[in-house]
Protein backbone atom coordinates (compact mmCIF):
# COMPACT_ATOMS: atom_id res chain seq x y z
CA MET A 1 -17.78 -22.55 -13.81
CA LEU A 2 -21.41 -21.81 -13.09
CA GLN A 3 -24.37 -23.48 -14.74
CA LEU A 4 -22.27 -25.59 -17.08
CA GLN A 5 -23.70 -28.25 -19.31
CA GLU A 6 -23.93 -31.82 -18.10
CA PRO A 7 -20.53 -33.48 -18.65
CA GLN A 8 -22.11 -36.55 -20.26
CA LEU A 9 -23.68 -34.28 -22.92
CA MET A 10 -20.33 -32.88 -24.05
CA GLY A 11 -19.01 -34.09 -27.36
CA LEU A 12 -15.96 -36.35 -27.25
CA LYS A 13 -13.87 -33.68 -29.01
CA GLN A 14 -15.66 -30.67 -27.49
CA ASP A 15 -12.98 -28.29 -26.21
CA PHE A 16 -14.90 -26.60 -23.41
CA PRO A 17 -18.30 -26.98 -21.74
CA ILE A 18 -21.10 -24.57 -22.58
CA SER A 19 -21.00 -22.53 -19.39
CA LEU A 20 -20.62 -19.29 -17.48
CA GLU A 21 -17.14 -18.94 -16.04
CA MET A 22 -16.45 -16.90 -12.92
CA GLN A 23 -12.75 -16.40 -13.51
CA PHE A 24 -10.47 -16.00 -10.48
CA LEU A 25 -7.21 -14.18 -11.16
CA GLY A 26 -4.49 -13.10 -8.78
CA GLY A 27 -2.37 -9.99 -9.15
CA ASP A 28 1.22 -10.10 -10.39
CA GLY A 29 2.49 -7.71 -7.73
CA THR A 30 2.53 -4.68 -10.01
CA HIS A 31 -0.34 -4.41 -12.47
CA GLU A 32 -4.09 -4.13 -11.99
CA ARG A 33 -5.86 -7.43 -12.63
CA HIS A 34 -9.50 -7.89 -11.72
CA THR A 35 -10.87 -11.13 -10.35
CA ALA A 36 -14.33 -12.73 -10.60
CA ASN A 37 -14.50 -11.81 -14.28
CA LEU A 38 -16.99 -13.45 -16.61
CA CYS A 39 -16.11 -15.61 -19.61
CA THR A 40 -18.89 -17.12 -21.70
CA PRO A 41 -17.94 -20.23 -23.70
CA GLY A 42 -21.04 -21.05 -25.75
CA THR A 43 -23.16 -18.58 -23.81
CA ASN A 44 -24.32 -14.97 -23.79
CA VAL A 45 -25.75 -12.80 -21.02
CA PHE A 46 -27.43 -9.44 -20.64
CA LEU A 47 -25.28 -6.65 -19.15
CA ASN A 48 -27.02 -3.36 -18.39
CA ASP A 49 -30.17 -4.69 -20.12
CA LYS A 50 -28.29 -5.31 -23.42
CA LEU A 51 -27.28 -8.62 -24.96
CA PHE A 52 -23.54 -9.09 -24.34
CA THR A 53 -21.85 -11.34 -26.89
CA PRO A 54 -18.07 -10.86 -26.43
CA HIS A 55 -16.30 -13.78 -24.75
CA CYS A 56 -15.13 -12.10 -21.52
CA VAL A 57 -15.79 -9.03 -19.40
CA ASP A 58 -13.79 -7.75 -16.44
CA SER A 59 -15.48 -7.29 -13.12
CA ARG A 60 -14.93 -4.09 -11.16
CA SER A 61 -13.06 -5.86 -8.37
CA LYS A 62 -9.84 -4.59 -6.96
CA THR A 63 -6.61 -6.48 -7.57
CA TYR A 64 -5.44 -9.00 -4.97
CA HIS A 65 -1.66 -9.33 -5.05
CA GLY A 66 0.35 -12.04 -3.34
CA ASP A 67 -0.67 -15.21 -1.60
CA ARG A 68 -3.80 -14.58 0.42
CA TRP A 69 -7.31 -15.91 0.82
CA VAL A 70 -9.98 -14.01 -1.08
CA HIS A 71 -13.63 -14.59 -0.22
CA ALA A 72 -15.71 -14.94 -3.39
CA GLU A 73 -19.38 -15.82 -3.87
CA ALA A 74 -21.67 -16.36 -6.83
CA LEU A 75 -25.36 -15.68 -6.40
CA VAL A 76 -27.22 -17.52 -9.16
CA LEU A 77 -30.99 -17.15 -9.38
CA GLY A 78 -31.73 -19.55 -12.22
CA ASP A 79 -32.13 -17.85 -15.57
CA SER A 80 -32.86 -14.41 -14.13
CA LEU A 81 -29.92 -12.95 -12.17
CA VAL A 82 -26.27 -13.73 -11.47
CA LYS A 83 -23.96 -11.72 -9.19
CA HIS A 84 -20.22 -12.12 -8.63
CA ILE A 85 -19.34 -10.98 -5.09
CA VAL A 86 -15.78 -10.52 -3.82
CA GLU A 87 -15.02 -9.68 -0.19
CA GLY A 88 -18.69 -8.65 0.26
CA ASP A 89 -18.68 -6.29 -2.74
CA THR A 90 -20.85 -7.06 -5.78
CA VAL A 91 -18.33 -6.69 -8.61
CA LEU A 92 -20.39 -7.95 -11.57
CA THR A 93 -24.11 -8.39 -12.19
CA TYR A 94 -25.77 -9.85 -15.27
CA THR A 95 -29.10 -11.32 -16.26
CA LYS A 96 -30.73 -13.81 -18.62
CA PRO A 97 -27.83 -16.26 -19.04
CA GLN A 98 -28.44 -18.17 -22.23
CA ILE A 99 -26.89 -20.53 -24.72
CA GLY A 100 -25.32 -18.73 -27.69
CA GLY A 101 -22.15 -17.26 -29.04
CA GLY A 102 -18.86 -18.93 -29.80
CA ASN A 103 -15.68 -19.93 -27.99
CA VAL A 104 -16.64 -23.57 -27.82
CA SER A 105 -16.08 -26.03 -30.66
CA ASP A 106 -16.93 -29.57 -31.67
CA TYR A 107 -20.16 -29.50 -29.65
CA ASP A 108 -23.30 -31.48 -30.37
CA PRO A 109 -25.67 -29.03 -32.13
CA ALA A 110 -28.58 -30.59 -30.24
CA GLN A 111 -27.01 -29.28 -27.01
CA LYS A 112 -26.30 -25.75 -28.24
CA LYS A 113 -29.71 -24.16 -28.80
CA ASP A 114 -28.85 -20.47 -29.14
CA GLY A 115 -31.18 -18.20 -27.19
CA GLN A 116 -32.30 -20.92 -24.74
CA LEU A 117 -32.18 -19.54 -21.20
CA ILE A 118 -29.98 -21.47 -18.77
CA LYS A 119 -32.13 -22.31 -15.77
CA SER A 120 -29.68 -24.65 -14.00
CA GLY A 121 -26.52 -26.63 -14.48
CA TYR A 122 -23.43 -28.06 -12.90
CA LEU A 123 -20.81 -26.26 -10.82
CA SER A 124 -17.16 -26.92 -11.60
CA LEU A 125 -13.89 -25.79 -10.01
CA GLN A 126 -10.81 -25.80 -12.20
CA SER A 127 -7.33 -24.45 -12.68
CA GLU A 128 -6.34 -23.71 -16.25
CA SER A 129 -2.60 -23.24 -15.89
CA HIS A 130 -1.64 -22.38 -12.33
CA PRO A 131 -2.11 -24.06 -8.96
CA VAL A 132 -5.17 -22.95 -7.07
CA GLU A 133 -6.41 -23.72 -3.59
CA PHE A 134 -9.93 -23.49 -2.22
CA ARG A 135 -10.08 -23.17 1.55
CA LYS A 136 -13.83 -23.68 1.80
CA VAL A 137 -16.50 -24.38 -0.78
CA ALA A 138 -20.14 -24.12 0.31
CA ILE A 139 -23.28 -24.39 -1.77
CA PHE A 140 -26.65 -23.13 -0.62
CA ASP A 141 -29.61 -24.22 -2.75
CA LEU A 142 -32.05 -21.33 -3.20
CA GLY A 143 -34.43 -23.47 -5.26
CA PRO A 144 -36.98 -23.90 -2.45
CA TYR A 145 -37.30 -20.10 -2.16
CA MET A 146 -37.51 -19.19 -5.85
CA HIS A 147 -41.32 -19.20 -6.05
CA ASN A 148 -41.86 -17.04 -2.98
CA ARG A 149 -40.25 -13.62 -3.36
CA LYS A 150 -40.69 -12.72 0.31
CA GLN A 151 -39.02 -15.94 1.52
CA LEU A 152 -36.25 -15.53 -1.07
CA GLN A 153 -35.52 -11.96 0.05
CA ALA A 154 -35.46 -13.06 3.70
CA LYS A 155 -33.06 -15.94 2.94
CA LEU A 156 -30.78 -13.67 0.87
CA LYS A 157 -30.71 -11.13 3.69
CA GLU A 158 -29.84 -13.88 6.17
CA LEU A 159 -27.05 -15.19 3.94
CA GLN A 160 -25.64 -11.71 3.34
CA SER A 161 -25.55 -10.91 7.05
CA ARG A 162 -23.56 -13.98 8.04
CA LYS A 163 -19.95 -13.57 9.05
CA THR A 164 -17.39 -14.51 6.42
CA PRO A 165 -14.18 -16.21 7.52
């Protein structure tokens, strides 16, 4: 999950954190099944410059069948831009992540201020019903570059040109 609410601010009976979920799914060997999809418990985003309020949207990734490592990245630029990247291909892009919508219950209303842009939050790795393995998890803080567009672009270019394992 990307930019999820602080765990200590979740209600005792709250079923899911207010968050953006980059959903990893493997193929079943036969059918198409995209990965790096977006689910939005308690949040909304803008897709193609329009407010998107349904709970989930598929990325345009290919399907990855069988047991194999898949390189996935999330580029999160505060409350302005989020990209889901799989094997170097940007498979989903959205903007203006914000609190709103449903699919989360028993939350503290003081924490769910619909329309409030999500500028930051926690990162969480989870498995909902199947085993999952992460070979390498790396976080690069772009915060120091956010107020200087030229430096940000240079750092993004550097990160994009690095070799992926």
